[in-house]
Amino acid sequence: MIKHIILWNFQEGQGTEENKLKMQNGLEGLKDKIPGIVSIEVITKPIAGSNAEVMLNSVFESEEALNNYQVHPEHVKVAAFVRSITCNRMCMDFE
């Protein structure tokens, strides 16, 4: 299993409830569209003291499944929206 965690902040003025919901639904909706995703969750309500505004917490069957996810057309489409509203991306992948 491969854990794939990403942290972002929103660009100025982009952290609206509408954008958070669209981002969450888009990313979490990939589970049923892309093989190899074990779980995928988007957190948009961090507690005070956090220095990230949104987190993707996901698990993949293998590194190959993660690599396939990265280039899958459904992910590419959602990722384009995410990039348009976020900044300061940090990622960590591990077994």
N, C-alpha and C. Protein backbone atom coordinates (compact mmCIF):
# COMPACT_ATOMS: atom_id res chain seq x y z
N MET A 1 0.85 -1.18 0.00
CA MET A 1 0.00 0.00 0.00
C MET A 1 0.89 1.25 0.00
N ILE A 2 0.47 2.25 -0.72
CA ILE A 2 1.18 3.52 -0.81
C ILE A 2 0.26 4.62 -0.29
N LYS A 3 0.75 5.38 0.69
CA LYS A 3 0.03 6.55 1.18
C LYS A 3 0.47 7.75 0.34
N HIS A 4 -0.50 8.55 -0.06
CA HIS A 4 -0.26 9.74 -0.88
C HIS A 4 -0.97 10.90 -0.17
N ILE A 5 -0.18 11.78 0.41
CA ILE A 5 -0.73 12.89 1.19
C ILE A 5 -0.27 14.20 0.56
N ILE A 6 -1.22 15.10 0.36
CA ILE A 6 -0.91 16.42 -0.18
C ILE A 6 -1.54 17.47 0.73
N LEU A 7 -0.80 18.54 0.98
CA LEU A 7 -1.29 19.70 1.72
C LEU A 7 -1.23 20.92 0.82
N TRP A 8 -2.26 21.74 0.90
CA TRP A 8 -2.30 22.99 0.13
C TRP A 8 -2.82 24.12 1.01
N ASN A 9 -2.60 25.32 0.51
CA ASN A 9 -3.32 26.51 0.95
C ASN A 9 -4.06 27.03 -0.27
N PHE A 10 -5.11 27.80 0.00
CA PHE A 10 -5.86 28.39 -1.11
C PHE A 10 -5.22 29.70 -1.54
N GLN A 11 -5.31 29.98 -2.81
CA GLN A 11 -4.92 31.30 -3.30
C GLN A 11 -5.85 32.32 -2.66
N GLU A 12 -5.39 33.54 -2.57
CA GLU A 12 -6.17 34.63 -1.97
C GLU A 12 -7.58 34.67 -2.56
N GLY A 13 -8.57 34.59 -1.69
CA GLY A 13 -9.96 34.69 -2.09
C GLY A 13 -10.57 33.43 -2.69
N GLN A 14 -9.80 32.34 -2.78
CA GLN A 14 -10.30 31.12 -3.43
C GLN A 14 -10.81 30.06 -2.45
N GLY A 15 -10.65 30.28 -1.15
CA GLY A 15 -11.06 29.29 -0.16
C GLY A 15 -12.53 29.36 0.20
N THR A 16 -13.37 29.55 -0.80
CA THR A 16 -14.81 29.64 -0.56
C THR A 16 -15.37 28.26 -0.27
N GLU A 17 -16.52 28.22 0.38
CA GLU A 17 -17.17 26.93 0.65
C GLU A 17 -17.50 26.22 -0.66
N GLU A 18 -17.88 26.96 -1.67
CA GLU A 18 -18.19 26.37 -2.98
C GLU A 18 -16.95 25.69 -3.57
N ASN A 19 -15.80 26.36 -3.53
CA ASN A 19 -14.57 25.77 -4.06
C ASN A 19 -14.11 24.58 -3.24
N LYS A 20 -14.25 24.67 -1.93
CA LYS A 20 -13.87 23.54 -1.06
C LYS A 20 -14.71 22.32 -1.40
N LEU A 21 -16.00 22.51 -1.56
CA LEU A 21 -16.90 21.40 -1.87
C LEU A 21 -16.61 20.82 -3.26
N LYS A 22 -16.37 21.69 -4.23
CA LYS A 22 -16.07 21.22 -5.58
C LYS A 22 -14.77 20.42 -5.59
N MET A 23 -13.77 20.89 -4.86
CA MET A 23 -12.49 20.20 -4.76
C MET A 23 -12.67 18.85 -4.08
N GLN A 24 -13.38 18.85 -2.96
CA GLN A 24 -13.60 17.62 -2.21
C GLN A 24 -14.37 16.59 -3.03
N ASN A 25 -15.47 17.00 -3.63
CA ASN A 25 -16.27 16.09 -4.44
C ASN A 25 -15.50 15.57 -5.64
N GLY A 26 -14.74 16.46 -6.26
CA GLY A 26 -13.97 16.05 -7.44
C GLY A 26 -12.92 15.00 -7.10
N LEU A 27 -12.13 15.26 -6.06
CA LEU A 27 -11.07 14.33 -5.69
C LEU A 27 -11.63 13.03 -5.12
N GLU A 28 -12.58 13.13 -4.21
CA GLU A 28 -13.14 11.92 -3.60
C GLU A 28 -13.91 11.09 -4.63
N GLY A 29 -14.47 11.74 -5.64
CA GLY A 29 -15.19 11.04 -6.69
C GLY A 29 -14.30 10.21 -7.60
N LEU A 30 -13.00 10.40 -7.52
CA LEU A 30 -12.08 9.64 -8.36
C LEU A 30 -11.98 8.17 -7.93
N LYS A 31 -12.35 7.88 -6.69
CA LYS A 31 -12.26 6.50 -6.19
C LYS A 31 -13.04 5.53 -7.07
N ASP A 32 -14.19 5.93 -7.55
CA ASP A 32 -15.02 5.06 -8.38
C ASP A 32 -14.66 5.11 -9.86
N LYS A 33 -13.69 5.96 -10.21
CA LYS A 33 -13.35 6.14 -11.62
C LYS A 33 -11.97 5.63 -11.98
N ILE A 34 -11.09 5.49 -10.99
CA ILE A 34 -9.70 5.14 -11.27
C ILE A 34 -9.33 3.88 -10.50
N PRO A 35 -8.94 2.82 -11.19
CA PRO A 35 -8.55 1.59 -10.49
C PRO A 35 -7.32 1.81 -9.62
N GLY A 36 -7.25 1.08 -8.52
CA GLY A 36 -6.07 1.11 -7.66
C GLY A 36 -6.17 2.04 -6.47
N ILE A 37 -7.23 2.85 -6.40
CA ILE A 37 -7.42 3.71 -5.23
C ILE A 37 -8.10 2.89 -4.14
N VAL A 38 -7.46 2.77 -2.99
CA VAL A 38 -8.02 2.06 -1.86
C VAL A 38 -8.95 2.98 -1.07
N SER A 39 -8.46 4.20 -0.81
CA SER A 39 -9.27 5.20 -0.12
C SER A 39 -8.78 6.59 -0.50
N ILE A 40 -9.69 7.55 -0.41
CA ILE A 40 -9.33 8.93 -0.73
C ILE A 40 -10.26 9.85 0.06
N GLU A 41 -9.66 10.79 0.77
CA GLU A 41 -10.43 11.70 1.63
C GLU A 41 -9.81 13.09 1.54
N VAL A 42 -10.67 14.09 1.49
CA VAL A 42 -10.21 15.49 1.47
C VAL A 42 -10.71 16.16 2.74
N ILE A 43 -9.78 16.77 3.46
CA ILE A 43 -10.10 17.48 4.70
C ILE A 43 -10.03 18.98 4.40
N THR A 44 -11.12 19.71 4.66
CA THR A 44 -11.17 21.14 4.37
C THR A 44 -11.43 22.00 5.60
N LYS A 45 -11.45 21.37 6.78
CA LYS A 45 -11.71 22.13 8.00
C LYS A 45 -10.65 21.81 9.06
N PRO A 46 -9.43 22.32 8.87
CA PRO A 46 -8.38 22.06 9.85
C PRO A 46 -8.66 22.81 11.16
N ILE A 47 -8.09 22.32 12.24
CA ILE A 47 -8.25 23.03 13.51
C ILE A 47 -7.27 24.20 13.57
N ALA A 48 -7.55 25.12 14.50
CA ALA A 48 -6.70 26.30 14.68
C ALA A 48 -5.26 25.85 14.92
N GLY A 49 -4.34 26.61 14.41
CA GLY A 49 -2.93 26.31 14.57
C GLY A 49 -2.35 25.55 13.39
N SER A 50 -3.20 25.06 12.50
CA SER A 50 -2.72 24.37 11.30
C SER A 50 -2.13 25.39 10.33
N ASN A 51 -1.15 25.00 9.56
CA ASN A 51 -0.61 25.93 8.57
C ASN A 51 -0.92 25.48 7.14
N ALA A 52 -1.85 24.53 7.00
CA ALA A 52 -2.40 24.15 5.70
C ALA A 52 -3.91 24.24 5.80
N GLU A 53 -4.53 24.58 4.68
CA GLU A 53 -5.99 24.77 4.67
C GLU A 53 -6.75 23.56 4.14
N VAL A 54 -6.08 22.70 3.41
CA VAL A 54 -6.76 21.53 2.85
C VAL A 54 -5.75 20.39 2.71
N MET A 55 -6.24 19.16 2.91
CA MET A 55 -5.37 17.98 2.83
C MET A 55 -6.06 16.89 2.02
N LEU A 56 -5.29 16.25 1.16
CA LEU A 56 -5.70 15.03 0.48
C LEU A 56 -4.99 13.88 1.19
N ASN A 57 -5.77 12.93 1.69
CA ASN A 57 -5.24 11.76 2.38
C ASN A 57 -5.73 10.55 1.59
N SER A 58 -4.82 9.88 0.89
CA SER A 58 -5.25 8.79 0.02
C SER A 58 -4.31 7.60 0.14
N VAL A 59 -4.85 6.43 -0.22
CA VAL A 59 -4.10 5.18 -0.19
C VAL A 59 -4.30 4.48 -1.53
N PHE A 60 -3.21 3.97 -2.08
CA PHE A 60 -3.22 3.26 -3.36
C PHE A 60 -2.70 1.85 -3.16
N GLU A 61 -3.15 0.95 -4.02
CA GLU A 61 -2.75 -0.45 -3.94
C GLU A 61 -1.25 -0.65 -4.11
N SER A 62 -0.64 0.20 -4.93
CA SER A 62 0.78 0.05 -5.25
C SER A 62 1.32 1.37 -5.80
N GLU A 63 2.63 1.43 -5.94
CA GLU A 63 3.24 2.60 -6.56
C GLU A 63 2.80 2.72 -8.02
N GLU A 64 2.63 1.59 -8.68
CA GLU A 64 2.14 1.60 -10.06
C GLU A 64 0.73 2.21 -10.13
N ALA A 65 -0.12 1.86 -9.18
CA ALA A 65 -1.48 2.42 -9.16
C ALA A 65 -1.43 3.93 -8.95
N LEU A 66 -0.54 4.40 -8.08
CA LEU A 66 -0.37 5.84 -7.87
C LEU A 66 0.09 6.51 -9.16
N ASN A 67 1.07 5.91 -9.83
CA ASN A 67 1.57 6.48 -11.08
C ASN A 67 0.48 6.53 -12.15
N ASN A 68 -0.36 5.51 -12.22
CA ASN A 68 -1.46 5.49 -13.18
C ASN A 68 -2.49 6.57 -12.84
N TYR A 69 -2.77 6.75 -11.56
CA TYR A 69 -3.69 7.79 -11.09
C TYR A 69 -3.21 9.17 -11.53
N GLN A 70 -1.92 9.41 -11.40
CA GLN A 70 -1.35 10.73 -11.69
C GLN A 70 -1.64 11.17 -13.13
N VAL A 71 -1.67 10.24 -14.07
CA VAL A 71 -1.85 10.59 -15.48
C VAL A 71 -3.24 10.24 -16.01
N HIS A 72 -4.09 9.69 -15.17
CA HIS A 72 -5.43 9.32 -15.61
C HIS A 72 -6.20 10.59 -16.01
N PRO A 73 -6.92 10.58 -17.13
CA PRO A 73 -7.63 11.78 -17.60
C PRO A 73 -8.61 12.37 -16.57
N GLU A 74 -9.26 11.53 -15.79
CA GLU A 74 -10.19 12.05 -14.77
C GLU A 74 -9.44 12.81 -13.69
N HIS A 75 -8.28 12.30 -13.28
CA HIS A 75 -7.46 13.00 -12.28
C HIS A 75 -6.90 14.29 -12.87
N VAL A 76 -6.43 14.23 -14.09
CA VAL A 76 -5.85 15.42 -14.74
C VAL A 76 -6.88 16.54 -14.77
N LYS A 77 -8.13 16.21 -15.05
CA LYS A 77 -9.20 17.21 -15.10
C LYS A 77 -9.44 17.84 -13.72
N VAL A 78 -9.55 17.01 -12.69
CA VAL A 78 -9.77 17.54 -11.34
C VAL A 78 -8.55 18.32 -10.86
N ALA A 79 -7.36 17.80 -11.14
CA ALA A 79 -6.13 18.47 -10.71
C ALA A 79 -6.00 19.86 -11.32
N ALA A 80 -6.46 20.05 -12.54
CA ALA A 80 -6.40 21.38 -13.17
C ALA A 80 -7.22 22.38 -12.35
N PHE A 81 -8.40 21.97 -11.91
CA PHE A 81 -9.21 22.85 -11.06
C PHE A 81 -8.50 23.12 -9.74
N VAL A 82 -7.99 22.07 -9.12
CA VAL A 82 -7.30 22.22 -7.83
C VAL A 82 -6.14 23.20 -7.96
N ARG A 83 -5.33 23.06 -8.99
CA ARG A 83 -4.20 23.98 -9.21
C ARG A 83 -4.65 25.41 -9.41
N SER A 84 -5.84 25.59 -9.97
CA SER A 84 -6.31 26.95 -10.26
C SER A 84 -6.74 27.70 -9.00
N ILE A 85 -6.95 26.99 -7.89
CA ILE A 85 -7.42 27.66 -6.66
C ILE A 85 -6.47 27.51 -5.48
N THR A 86 -5.39 26.72 -5.63
CA THR A 86 -4.50 26.46 -4.50
C THR A 86 -3.08 26.94 -4.78
N CYS A 87 -2.29 26.94 -3.72
CA CYS A 87 -0.86 27.26 -3.81
C CYS A 87 -0.14 26.51 -2.70
N ASN A 88 1.15 26.63 -2.64
CA ASN A 88 1.96 26.04 -1.57
C ASN A 88 1.73 24.54 -1.41
N ARG A 89 1.75 23.81 -2.51
CA ARG A 89 1.52 22.36 -2.47
C ARG A 89 2.72 21.63 -1.85
N MET A 90 2.41 20.74 -0.93
CA MET A 90 3.43 19.84 -0.36
C MET A 90 2.89 18.43 -0.49
N CYS A 91 3.76 17.50 -0.87
CA CYS A 91 3.33 16.11 -1.09
C CYS A 91 4.31 15.17 -0.40
N MET A 92 3.75 14.07 0.13
CA MET A 92 4.58 13.00 0.64
C MET A 92 3.92 11.67 0.29
N ASP A 93 4.70 10.79 -0.33
CA ASP A 93 4.26 9.44 -0.66
C ASP A 93 5.15 8.47 0.10
N PHE A 94 4.54 7.42 0.68
CA PHE A 94 5.34 6.45 1.43
C PHE A 94 4.59 5.12 1.52
N GLU A 95 5.38 4.06 1.80
CA GLU A 95 4.79 2.74 1.97
C GLU A 95 4.34 2.57 3.40
